Amino acid sequence: MSEGRAAESKGSINKSGHFQSGGVLGLELHLKDERRFPRQWAFFDVVGERRATLIPQGAPCYSCHADHAAVDTTFVQFYPTLMPIVEEKGNLSGTFLNEKTAAKGK
């Protein structure tokens, strides 16, 4: 599950960085089930405390996750505590490694 929060800058003593602000804007649930979903993964928008709505398989979030996620459609590259673990295990996708190399060359 991932939560979306707004980001702000120039608050309090922070003049140049970004930080999370306010409450949760939304929750998303990513479920891997190779038997139920054609792309193995399905994304759900969590509404309230008891209901989740399937995000249609044609939504652009699916292709973005497939094309840019560091590990199996998950954006672990944005979680600094997870990156050393997946790097050590060698689980980073080839696409992500190519993007990382290209970014360093700029």
PDB file of N, CA and C in Angstrom:
ATOM      1  N   MET A   1       0.853  -1.158   0.000  1.00  0.00           N
ATOM      2  CA  MET A   1       0.000   0.000   0.000  1.00  0.00           C
ATOM      3  C   MET A   1       0.901   1.223   0.000  1.00  0.00           C
ATOM      4  N   SER A   2       0.513   2.219  -0.726  1.00  0.00           N
ATOM      5  CA  SER A   2       1.248   3.480  -0.717  1.00  0.00           C
ATOM      6  C   SER A   2       0.270   4.613  -0.445  1.00  0.00           C
ATOM      7  N   GLU A   3       0.787   5.619   0.212  1.00  0.00           N
ATOM      8  CA  GLU A   3      -0.047   6.778   0.490  1.00  0.00           C
ATOM      9  C   GLU A   3       0.479   7.966  -0.272  1.00  0.00           C
ATOM     10  N   GLY A   4      -0.435   8.793  -0.731  1.00  0.00           N
ATOM     11  CA  GLY A   4      -0.055  10.020  -1.404  1.00  0.00           C
ATOM     12  C   GLY A   4      -0.248  11.192  -0.470  1.00  0.00           C
ATOM     13  N   ARG A   5       0.759  12.033  -0.397  1.00  0.00           N
ATOM     14  CA  ARG A   5       0.686  13.235   0.433  1.00  0.00           C
ATOM     15  C   ARG A   5       1.150  14.428  -0.396  1.00  0.00           C
ATOM     16  N   ALA A   6       0.672  15.578  -0.047  1.00  0.00           N
ATOM     17  CA  ALA A   6       1.117  16.799  -0.711  1.00  0.00           C
ATOM     18  C   ALA A   6       2.532  17.127  -0.249  1.00  0.00           C
ATOM     19  N   ALA A   7       3.257  17.845  -1.083  1.00  0.00           N
ATOM     20  CA  ALA A   7       4.603  18.294  -0.731  1.00  0.00           C
ATOM     21  C   ALA A   7       4.623  19.815  -0.723  1.00  0.00           C
ATOM     22  N   GLU A   8       5.412  20.360   0.168  1.00  0.00           N
ATOM     23  CA  GLU A   8       5.586  21.810   0.243  1.00  0.00           C
ATOM     24  C   GLU A   8       7.060  22.126   0.347  1.00  0.00           C
ATOM     25  N   SER A   9       7.386  23.362   0.138  1.00  0.00           N
ATOM     26  CA  SER A   9       8.735  23.848   0.362  1.00  0.00           C
ATOM     27  C   SER A   9       8.626  25.221   1.022  1.00  0.00           C
ATOM     28  N   LYS A  10       9.728  25.708   1.506  1.00  0.00           N
ATOM     29  CA  LYS A  10       9.778  27.027   2.147  1.00  0.00           C
ATOM     30  C   LYS A  10       8.818  27.142   3.323  1.00  0.00           C
ATOM     31  N   GLY A  11       8.811  26.134   4.173  1.00  0.00           N
ATOM     32  CA  GLY A  11       7.987  26.183   5.367  1.00  0.00           C
ATOM     33  C   GLY A  11       8.872  26.216   6.597  1.00  0.00           C
ATOM     34  N   SER A  12       8.516  27.007   7.554  1.00  0.00           N
ATOM     35  CA  SER A  12       9.259  27.110   8.800  1.00  0.00           C
ATOM     36  C   SER A  12      10.725  27.420   8.490  1.00  0.00           C
ATOM     37  N   ILE A  13      11.640  26.569   8.958  1.00  0.00           N
ATOM     38  CA  ILE A  13      13.061  26.813   8.715  1.00  0.00           C
ATOM     39  C   ILE A  13      13.525  26.247   7.371  1.00  0.00           C
ATOM     40  N   ASN A  14      12.692  25.438   6.721  1.00  0.00           N
ATOM     41  CA  ASN A  14      13.039  24.812   5.450  1.00  0.00           C
ATOM     42  C   ASN A  14      12.814  25.810   4.322  1.00  0.00           C
ATOM     43  N   LYS A  15      13.882  26.269   3.683  1.00  0.00           N
ATOM     44  CA  LYS A  15      13.764  27.276   2.621  1.00  0.00           C
ATOM     45  C   LYS A  15      14.077  26.715   1.231  1.00  0.00           C
ATOM     46  N   SER A  16      14.707  25.536   1.148  1.00  0.00           N
ATOM     47  CA  SER A  16      15.081  25.051  -0.181  1.00  0.00           C
ATOM     48  C   SER A  16      14.697  23.598  -0.451  1.00  0.00           C
ATOM     49  N   GLY A  17      14.310  22.852   0.545  1.00  0.00           N
ATOM     50  CA  GLY A  17      13.952  21.454   0.335  1.00  0.00           C
ATOM     51  C   GLY A  17      12.455  21.257   0.221  1.00  0.00           C
ATOM     52  N   HIS A  18      12.043  20.028   0.186  1.00  0.00           N
ATOM     53  CA  HIS A  18      10.626  19.673   0.121  1.00  0.00           C
ATOM     54  C   HIS A  18      10.303  18.769   1.310  1.00  0.00           C
ATOM     55  N   PHE A  19       9.069  18.830   1.761  1.00  0.00           N
ATOM     56  CA  PHE A  19       8.647  17.993   2.873  1.00  0.00           C
ATOM     57  C   PHE A  19       7.174  17.661   2.723  1.00  0.00           C
ATOM     58  N   GLN A  20       6.758  16.565   3.350  1.00  0.00           N
ATOM     59  CA  GLN A  20       5.350  16.179   3.318  1.00  0.00           C
ATOM     60  C   GLN A  20       4.546  17.154   4.149  1.00  0.00           C
ATOM     61  N   SER A  21       3.348  17.408   3.679  1.00  0.00           N
ATOM     62  CA  SER A  21       2.501  18.329   4.431  1.00  0.00           C
ATOM     63  C   SER A  21       1.083  17.790   4.502  1.00  0.00           C
ATOM     64  N   GLY A  22       0.391  18.173   5.513  1.00  0.00           N
ATOM     65  CA  GLY A  22      -1.022  17.826   5.630  1.00  0.00           C
ATOM     66  C   GLY A  22      -1.287  16.339   5.746  1.00  0.00           C
ATOM     67  N   GLY A  23      -2.545  16.012   5.600  1.00  0.00           N
ATOM     68  CA  GLY A  23      -2.965  14.629   5.721  1.00  0.00           C
ATOM     69  C   GLY A  23      -2.757  13.848   4.433  1.00  0.00           C
ATOM     70  N   VAL A  24      -3.187  12.634   4.468  1.00  0.00           N
ATOM     71  CA  VAL A  24      -3.070  11.738   3.332  1.00  0.00           C
ATOM     72  C   VAL A  24      -4.063  12.177   2.249  1.00  0.00           C
ATOM     73  N   LEU A  25      -3.583  12.325   1.007  1.00  0.00           N
ATOM     74  CA  LEU A  25      -4.446  12.701  -0.113  1.00  0.00           C
ATOM     75  C   LEU A  25      -5.156  11.482  -0.692  1.00  0.00           C
ATOM     76  N   GLY A  26      -4.509  10.335  -0.609  1.00  0.00           N
ATOM     77  CA  GLY A  26      -5.100   9.125  -1.146  1.00  0.00           C
ATOM     78  C   GLY A  26      -4.256   7.915  -0.808  1.00  0.00           C
ATOM     79  N   LEU A  27      -4.858   6.753  -0.908  1.00  0.00           N
ATOM     80  CA  LEU A  27      -4.161   5.490  -0.674  1.00  0.00           C
ATOM     81  C   LEU A  27      -4.311   4.618  -1.905  1.00  0.00           C
ATOM     82  N   GLU A  28      -3.254   3.900  -2.231  1.00  0.00           N
ATOM     83  CA  GLU A  28      -3.271   2.969  -3.342  1.00  0.00           C
ATOM     84  C   GLU A  28      -2.808   1.623  -2.852  1.00  0.00           C
ATOM     85  N   LEU A  29      -3.424   0.593  -3.356  1.00  0.00           N
ATOM     86  CA  LEU A  29      -3.057  -0.777  -3.023  1.00  0.00           C
ATOM     87  C   LEU A  29      -2.599  -1.450  -4.302  1.00  0.00           C
ATOM     88  N   HIS A  30      -1.440  -2.067  -4.273  1.00  0.00           N
ATOM     89  CA  HIS A  30      -0.917  -2.798  -5.430  1.00  0.00           C
ATOM     90  C   HIS A  30      -0.952  -4.277  -5.072  1.00  0.00           C
ATOM     91  N   LEU A  31      -1.639  -5.044  -5.876  1.00  0.00           N
ATOM     92  CA  LEU A  31      -1.842  -6.460  -5.591  1.00  0.00           C
ATOM     93  C   LEU A  31      -1.306  -7.288  -6.740  1.00  0.00           C
ATOM     94  N   LYS A  32      -0.432  -8.240  -6.427  1.00  0.00           N
ATOM     95  CA  LYS A  32       0.108  -9.128  -7.456  1.00  0.00           C
ATOM     96  C   LYS A  32      -0.619 -10.463  -7.369  1.00  0.00           C
ATOM     97  N   ASP A  33      -1.264 -10.826  -8.463  1.00  0.00           N
ATOM     98  CA  ASP A  33      -1.962 -12.109  -8.553  1.00  0.00           C
ATOM     99  C   ASP A  33      -1.940 -12.516 -10.018  1.00  0.00           C
ATOM    100  N   GLU A  34      -1.020 -13.394 -10.360  1.00  0.00           N
ATOM    101  CA  GLU A  34      -0.817 -13.786 -11.749  1.00  0.00           C
ATOM    102  C   GLU A  34      -2.020 -14.504 -12.346  1.00  0.00           C
ATOM    103  N   ARG A  35      -2.839 -15.113 -11.532  1.00  0.00           N
ATOM    104  CA  ARG A  35      -4.011 -15.830 -12.033  1.00  0.00           C
ATOM    105  C   ARG A  35      -5.183 -14.897 -12.329  1.00  0.00           C
ATOM    106  N   ARG A  36      -5.308 -13.826 -11.577  1.00  0.00           N
ATOM    107  CA  ARG A  36      -6.473 -12.945 -11.718  1.00  0.00           C
ATOM    108  C   ARG A  36      -6.270 -11.766 -12.653  1.00  0.00           C
ATOM    109  N   PHE A  37      -5.018 -11.316 -12.811  1.00  0.00           N
ATOM    110  CA  PHE A  37      -4.788 -10.082 -13.540  1.00  0.00           C
ATOM    111  C   PHE A  37      -3.862 -10.316 -14.731  1.00  0.00           C
ATOM    112  N   PRO A  38      -4.246  -9.840 -15.917  1.00  0.00           N
ATOM    113  CA  PRO A  38      -3.470 -10.088 -17.131  1.00  0.00           C
ATOM    114  C   PRO A  38      -2.021  -9.586 -17.047  1.00  0.00           C
ATOM    115  N   ARG A  39      -1.806  -8.497 -16.346  1.00  0.00           N
ATOM    116  CA  ARG A  39      -0.446  -7.950 -16.212  1.00  0.00           C
ATOM    117  C   ARG A  39       0.212  -8.370 -14.897  1.00  0.00           C
ATOM    118  N   GLN A  40      -0.331  -9.345 -14.234  1.00  0.00           N
ATOM    119  CA  GLN A  40       0.114  -9.851 -12.931  1.00  0.00           C
ATOM    120  C   GLN A  40      -0.238  -8.912 -11.785  1.00  0.00           C
ATOM    121  N   TRP A  41      -0.165  -7.619 -12.007  1.00  0.00           N
ATOM    122  CA  TRP A  41      -0.424  -6.626 -10.975  1.00  0.00           C
ATOM    123  C   TRP A  41      -1.752  -5.924 -11.229  1.00  0.00           C
ATOM    124  N   ALA A  42      -2.408  -5.533 -10.158  1.00  0.00           N
ATOM    125  CA  ALA A  42      -3.585  -4.671 -10.258  1.00  0.00           C
ATOM    126  C   ALA A  42      -3.431  -3.577  -9.214  1.00  0.00           C
ATOM    127  N   PHE A  43      -3.865  -2.389  -9.570  1.00  0.00           N
ATOM    128  CA  PHE A  43      -3.793  -1.243  -8.682  1.00  0.00           C
ATOM    129  C   PHE A  43      -5.210  -0.882  -8.259  1.00  0.00           C
ATOM    130  N   PHE A  44      -5.358  -0.578  -6.998  1.00  0.00           N
ATOM    131  CA  PHE A  44      -6.658  -0.226  -6.442  1.00  0.00           C
ATOM    132  C   PHE A  44      -6.568   1.120  -5.757  1.00  0.00           C
ATOM    133  N   ASP A  45      -7.588   1.931  -5.937  1.00  0.00           N
ATOM    134  CA  ASP A  45      -7.736   3.195  -5.232  1.00  0.00           C
ATOM    135  C   ASP A  45      -8.537   2.883  -3.969  1.00  0.00           C
ATOM    136  N   VAL A  46      -7.954   3.152  -2.825  1.00  0.00           N
ATOM    137  CA  VAL A  46      -8.620   2.860  -1.556  1.00  0.00           C
ATOM    138  C   VAL A  46      -9.515   4.039  -1.202  1.00  0.00           C
ATOM    139  N   VAL A  47     -10.796   3.763  -1.072  1.00  0.00           N
ATOM    140  CA  VAL A  47     -11.782   4.785  -0.765  1.00  0.00           C
ATOM    141  C   VAL A  47     -12.341   4.486   0.619  1.00  0.00           C
ATOM    142  N   GLY A  48     -12.140   5.391   1.536  1.00  0.00           N
ATOM    143  CA  GLY A  48     -12.625   5.154   2.897  1.00  0.00           C
ATOM    144  C   GLY A  48     -11.849   4.037   3.568  1.00  0.00           C
ATOM    145  N   GLU A  49     -12.446   3.457   4.558  1.00  0.00           N
ATOM    146  CA  GLU A  49     -11.756   2.433   5.328  1.00  0.00           C
ATOM    147  C   GLU A  49     -12.080   1.011   4.886  1.00  0.00           C
ATOM    148  N   ARG A  50     -13.100   0.833   4.061  1.00  0.00           N
ATOM    149  CA  ARG A  50     -13.539  -0.532   3.776  1.00  0.00           C
ATOM    150  C   ARG A  50     -13.680  -0.867   2.302  1.00  0.00           C
ATOM    151  N   ARG A  51     -13.366   0.039   1.410  1.00  0.00           N
ATOM    152  CA  ARG A  51     -13.601  -0.233   0.006  1.00  0.00           C
ATOM    153  C   ARG A  51     -12.404   0.183  -0.847  1.00  0.00           C
ATOM    154  N   ALA A  52     -12.080  -0.653  -1.818  1.00  0.00           N
ATOM    155  CA  ALA A  52     -11.034  -0.322  -2.785  1.00  0.00           C
ATOM    156  C   ALA A  52     -11.607  -0.537  -4.177  1.00  0.00           C
ATOM    157  N   THR A  53     -11.297   0.380  -5.084  1.00  0.00           N
ATOM    158  CA  THR A  53     -11.810   0.318  -6.442  1.00  0.00           C
ATOM    159  C   THR A  53     -10.663   0.001  -7.393  1.00  0.00           C
ATOM    160  N   LEU A  54     -10.855  -0.996  -8.251  1.00  0.00           N
ATOM    161  CA  LEU A  54      -9.840  -1.365  -9.227  1.00  0.00           C
ATOM    162  C   LEU A  54      -9.603  -0.209 -10.196  1.00  0.00           C
ATOM    163  N   ILE A  55      -8.341   0.168 -10.347  1.00  0.00           N
ATOM    164  CA  ILE A  55      -7.968   1.152 -11.360  1.00  0.00           C
ATOM    165  C   ILE A  55      -7.890   0.384 -12.680  1.00  0.00           C
ATOM    166  N   PRO A  56      -8.601   0.822 -13.722  1.00  0.00           N
ATOM    167  CA  PRO A  56      -8.642   0.060 -14.971  1.00  0.00           C
ATOM    168  C   PRO A  56      -7.254  -0.285 -15.506  1.00  0.00           C
ATOM    169  N   GLN A  57      -7.117  -1.493 -16.036  1.00  0.00           N
ATOM    170  CA  GLN A  57      -5.823  -1.983 -16.519  1.00  0.00           C
ATOM    171  C   GLN A  57      -5.219  -1.100 -17.615  1.00  0.00           C
ATOM    172  N   GLY A  58      -6.037  -0.329 -18.320  1.00  0.00           N
ATOM    173  CA  GLY A  58      -5.521   0.551 -19.371  1.00  0.00           C
ATOM    174  C   GLY A  58      -5.031   1.895 -18.870  1.00  0.00           C
ATOM    175  N   ALA A  59      -5.145   2.151 -17.576  1.00  0.00           N
ATOM    176  CA  ALA A  59      -4.724   3.438 -17.017  1.00  0.00           C
ATOM    177  C   ALA A  59      -3.211   3.612 -17.184  1.00  0.00           C
ATOM    178  N   PRO A  60      -2.747   4.842 -17.396  1.00  0.00           N
ATOM    179  CA  PRO A  60      -1.325   5.077 -17.636  1.00  0.00           C
ATOM    180  C   PRO A  60      -0.417   4.703 -16.474  1.00  0.00           C
ATOM    181  N   CYS A  61      -0.964   4.590 -15.279  1.00  0.00           N
ATOM    182  CA  CYS A  61      -0.104   4.234 -14.143  1.00  0.00           C
ATOM    183  C   CYS A  61       0.523   2.852 -14.338  1.00  0.00           C
ATOM    184  N   TYR A  62      -0.194   1.933 -14.993  1.00  0.00           N
ATOM    185  CA  TYR A  62       0.344   0.584 -15.195  1.00  0.00           C
ATOM    186  C   TYR A  62       1.593   0.614 -16.077  1.00  0.00           C
ATOM    187  N   SER A  63       1.532   1.321 -17.187  1.00  0.00           N
ATOM    188  CA  SER A  63       2.691   1.348 -18.086  1.00  0.00           C
ATOM    189  C   SER A  63       3.846   2.131 -17.459  1.00  0.00           C
ATOM    190  N   CYS A  64       3.546   3.166 -16.701  1.00  0.00           N
ATOM    191  CA  CYS A  64       4.613   3.919 -16.036  1.00  0.00           C
ATOM    192  C   CYS A  64       5.337   3.024 -15.027  1.00  0.00           C
ATOM    193  N   HIS A  65       4.582   2.295 -14.237  1.00  0.00           N
ATOM    194  CA  HIS A  65       5.196   1.377 -13.272  1.00  0.00           C
ATOM    195  C   HIS A  65       6.003   0.306 -13.988  1.00  0.00           C
ATOM    196  N   ALA A  66       5.467  -0.251 -15.065  1.00  0.00           N
ATOM    197  CA  ALA A  66       6.174  -1.292 -15.817  1.00  0.00           C
ATOM    198  C   ALA A  66       7.455  -0.749 -16.443  1.00  0.00           C
ATOM    199  N   ASP A  67       7.412   0.489 -16.925  1.00  0.00           N
ATOM    200  CA  ASP A  67       8.549   1.064 -17.649  1.00  0.00           C
ATOM    201  C   ASP A  67       9.622   1.678 -16.760  1.00  0.00           C
ATOM    202  N   HIS A  68       9.272   2.103 -15.545  1.00  0.00           N
ATOM    203  CA  HIS A  68      10.235   2.876 -14.761  1.00  0.00           C
ATOM    204  C   HIS A  68      10.499   2.373 -13.346  1.00  0.00           C
ATOM    205  N   ALA A  69       9.766   1.385 -12.880  1.00  0.00           N
ATOM    206  CA  ALA A  69       9.953   0.917 -11.510  1.00  0.00           C
ATOM    207  C   ALA A  69      11.266   0.153 -11.372  1.00  0.00           C
ATOM    208  N   ALA A  70      11.883   0.282 -10.234  1.00  0.00           N
ATOM    209  CA  ALA A  70      13.171  -0.357  -9.997  1.00  0.00           C
ATOM    210  C   ALA A  70      13.042  -1.861  -9.791  1.00  0.00           C
ATOM    211  N   VAL A  71      11.948  -2.309  -9.190  1.00  0.00           N
ATOM    212  CA  VAL A  71      11.775  -3.741  -8.908  1.00  0.00           C
ATOM    213  C   VAL A  71      10.327  -4.146  -9.149  1.00  0.00           C
ATOM    214  N   ASP A  72      10.104  -5.019 -10.109  1.00  0.00           N
ATOM    215  CA  ASP A  72       8.802  -5.655 -10.332  1.00  0.00           C
ATOM    216  C   ASP A  72       7.617  -4.699 -10.192  1.00  0.00           C
ATOM    217  N   THR A  73       7.626  -3.648 -10.942  1.00  0.00           N
ATOM    218  CA  THR A  73       6.604  -2.590 -11.010  1.00  0.00           C
ATOM    219  C   THR A  73       6.457  -1.768  -9.726  1.00  0.00           C
ATOM    220  N   THR A  74       7.401  -1.891  -8.807  1.00  0.00           N
ATOM    221  CA  THR A  74       7.340  -1.077  -7.588  1.00  0.00           C
ATOM    222  C   THR A  74       8.465  -0.047  -7.591  1.00  0.00           C
ATOM    223  N   PHE A  75       8.144   1.153  -7.162  1.00  0.00           N
ATOM    224  CA  PHE A  75       9.091   2.263  -7.169  1.00  0.00           C
ATOM    225  C   PHE A  75       9.938   2.282  -5.904  1.00  0.00           C
ATOM    226  N   VAL A  76      10.699   1.219  -5.681  1.00  0.00           N
ATOM    227  CA  VAL A  76      11.550   1.185  -4.492  1.00  0.00           C
ATOM    228  C   VAL A  76      12.650   2.237  -4.549  1.00  0.00           C
ATOM    229  N   GLN A  77      12.911   2.801  -5.740  1.00  0.00           N
ATOM    230  CA  GLN A  77      13.946   3.824  -5.855  1.00  0.00           C
ATOM    231  C   GLN A  77      13.614   5.076  -5.046  1.00  0.00           C
ATOM    232  N   PHE A  78      12.369   5.213  -4.627  1.00  0.00           N
ATOM    233  CA  PHE A  78      11.979   6.381  -3.815  1.00  0.00           C
ATOM    234  C   PHE A  78      11.943   6.064  -2.320  1.00  0.00           C
ATOM    235  N   TYR A  79      12.438   4.889  -1.951  1.00  0.00           N
ATOM    236  CA  TYR A  79      12.468   4.474  -0.549  1.00  0.00           C
ATOM    237  C   TYR A  79      13.911   4.147  -0.169  1.00  0.00           C
ATOM    238  N   PRO A  80      14.609   5.117   0.400  1.00  0.00           N
ATOM    239  CA  PRO A  80      16.034   4.940   0.679  1.00  0.00           C
ATOM    240  C   PRO A  80      16.361   3.753   1.582  1.00  0.00           C
ATOM    241  N   THR A  81      15.442   3.310   2.396  1.00  0.00           N
ATOM    242  CA  THR A  81      15.728   2.158   3.246  1.00  0.00           C
ATOM    243  C   THR A  81      15.644   0.848   2.471  1.00  0.00           C
ATOM    244  N   LEU A  82      14.929   0.833   1.341  1.00  0.00           N
ATOM    245  CA  LEU A  82      14.798  -0.392   0.547  1.00  0.00           C
ATOM    246  C   LEU A  82      15.894  -0.543  -0.505  1.00  0.00           C
ATOM    247  N   MET A  83      16.382   0.556  -1.042  1.00  0.00           N
ATOM    248  CA  MET A  83      17.343   0.478  -2.145  1.00  0.00           C
ATOM    249  C   MET A  83      18.589  -0.346  -1.827  1.00  0.00           C
ATOM    250  N   PRO A  84      19.237  -0.167  -0.683  1.00  0.00           N
ATOM    251  CA  PRO A  84      20.424  -0.990  -0.416  1.00  0.00           C
ATOM    252  C   PRO A  84      20.109  -2.491  -0.397  1.00  0.00           C
ATOM    253  N   ILE A  85      18.933  -2.837   0.042  1.00  0.00           N
ATOM    254  CA  ILE A  85      18.549  -4.250   0.109  1.00  0.00           C
ATOM    255  C   ILE A  85      18.410  -4.837  -1.290  1.00  0.00           C
ATOM    256  N   VAL A  86      17.675  -4.143  -2.169  1.00  0.00           N
ATOM    257  CA  VAL A  86      17.479  -4.683  -3.514  1.00  0.00           C
ATOM    258  C   VAL A  86      18.758  -4.604  -4.342  1.00  0.00           C
ATOM    259  N   GLU A  87      19.597  -3.611  -4.080  1.00  0.00           N
ATOM    260  CA  GLU A  87      20.892  -3.548  -4.771  1.00  0.00           C
ATOM    261  C   GLU A  87      21.762  -4.728  -4.367  1.00  0.00           C
ATOM    262  N   GLU A  88      21.791  -5.033  -3.084  1.00  0.00           N
ATOM    263  CA  GLU A  88      22.580  -6.158  -2.588  1.00  0.00           C
ATOM    264  C   GLU A  88      22.083  -7.488  -3.169  1.00  0.00           C
ATOM    265  N   LYS A  89      20.780  -7.616  -3.302  1.00  0.00           N
ATOM    266  CA  LYS A  89      20.204  -8.853  -3.830  1.00  0.00           C
ATOM    267  C   LYS A  89      20.231  -8.917  -5.356  1.00  0.00           C
ATOM    268  N   GLY A  90      20.557  -7.796  -6.003  1.00  0.00           N
ATOM    269  CA  GLY A  90      20.617  -7.770  -7.460  1.00  0.00           C
ATOM    270  C   GLY A  90      19.254  -7.838  -8.118  1.00  0.00           C
ATOM    271  N   ASN A  91      18.239  -7.266  -7.472  1.00  0.00           N
ATOM    272  CA  ASN A  91      16.868  -7.339  -7.980  1.00  0.00           C
ATOM    273  C   ASN A  91      16.437  -6.136  -8.813  1.00  0.00           C
ATOM    274  N   LEU A  92      17.314  -5.198  -9.084  1.00  0.00           N
ATOM    275  CA  LEU A  92      16.927  -4.010  -9.849  1.00  0.00           C
ATOM    276  C   LEU A  92      16.682  -4.371 -11.312  1.00  0.00           C
ATOM    277  N   SER A  93      15.644  -3.778 -11.893  1.00  0.00           N
ATOM    278  CA  SER A  93      15.307  -4.068 -13.285  1.00  0.00           C
ATOM    279  C   SER A  93      16.351  -3.466 -14.219  1.00  0.00           C
ATOM    280  N   GLY A  94      16.525  -4.092 -15.373  1.00  0.00           N
ATOM    281  CA  GLY A  94      17.447  -3.582 -16.377  1.00  0.00           C
ATOM    282  C   GLY A  94      17.061  -2.204 -16.860  1.00  0.00           C
ATOM    283  N   THR A  95      15.770  -1.971 -17.017  1.00  0.00           N
ATOM    284  CA  THR A  95      15.285  -0.666 -17.462  1.00  0.00           C
ATOM    285  C   THR A  95      15.672   0.412 -16.459  1.00  0.00           C
ATOM    286  N   PHE A  96      15.473   0.125 -15.173  1.00  0.00           N
ATOM    287  CA  PHE A  96      15.835   1.099 -14.143  1.00  0.00           C
ATOM    288  C   PHE A  96      17.333   1.368 -14.166  1.00  0.00           C
ATOM    289  N   LEU A  97      18.144   0.322 -14.273  1.00  0.00           N
ATOM    290  CA  LEU A  97      19.598   0.502 -14.284  1.00  0.00           C
ATOM    291  C   LEU A  97      20.030   1.346 -15.486  1.00  0.00           C
ATOM    292  N   ASN A  98      19.401   1.139 -16.644  1.00  0.00           N
ATOM    293  CA  ASN A  98      19.710   1.957 -17.830  1.00  0.00           C
ATOM    294  C   ASN A  98      19.335   3.415 -17.604  1.00  0.00           C
ATOM    295  N   GLU A  99      18.175   3.657 -16.994  1.00  0.00           N
ATOM    296  CA  GLU A  99      17.755   5.035 -16.711  1.00  0.00           C
ATOM    297  C   GLU A  99      18.706   5.700 -15.721  1.00  0.00           C
ATOM    298  N   LYS A 100      19.134   4.941 -14.735  1.00  0.00           N
ATOM    299  CA  LYS A 100      20.054   5.466 -13.721  1.00  0.00           C
ATOM    300  C   LYS A 100      21.389   5.851 -14.368  1.00  0.00           C
ATOM    301  N   THR A 101      21.881   4.988 -15.251  1.00  0.00           N
ATOM    302  CA  THR A 101      23.150   5.265 -15.946  1.00  0.00           C
ATOM    303  C   THR A 101      23.013   6.482 -16.850  1.00  0.00           C
ATOM    304  N   ALA A 102      21.889   6.579 -17.568  1.00  0.00           N
ATOM    305  CA  ALA A 102      21.669   7.724 -18.454  1.00  0.00           C
ATOM    306  C   ALA A 102      21.587   9.016 -17.656  1.00  0.00           C
ATOM    307  N   ALA A 103      20.965   8.985 -16.491  1.00  0.00           N
ATOM    308  CA  ALA A 103      20.830  10.180 -15.658  1.00  0.00           C
ATOM    309  C   ALA A 103      22.192  10.644 -15.153  1.00  0.00           C
ATOM    310  N   LYS A 104      23.081   9.704 -14.858  1.00  0.00           N
ATOM    311  CA  LYS A 104      24.415  10.076 -14.385  1.00  0.00           C
ATOM    312  C   LYS A 104      25.237  10.734 -15.502  1.00  0.00           C
ATOM    313  N   GLY A 105      24.950  10.345 -16.748  1.00  0.00           N
ATOM    314  CA  GLY A 105      25.697  10.887 -17.877  1.00  0.00           C
ATOM    315  C   GLY A 105      25.305  12.298 -18.254  1.00  0.00           C
ATOM    316  N   LYS A 106      24.250  12.807 -17.676  1.00  0.00           N
ATOM    317  CA  LYS A 106      23.784  14.158 -18.032  1.00  0.00           C
ATOM    318  C   LYS A 106      24.473  15.223 -17.221  1.00  0.00           C
TER     319      LYS A 106
END
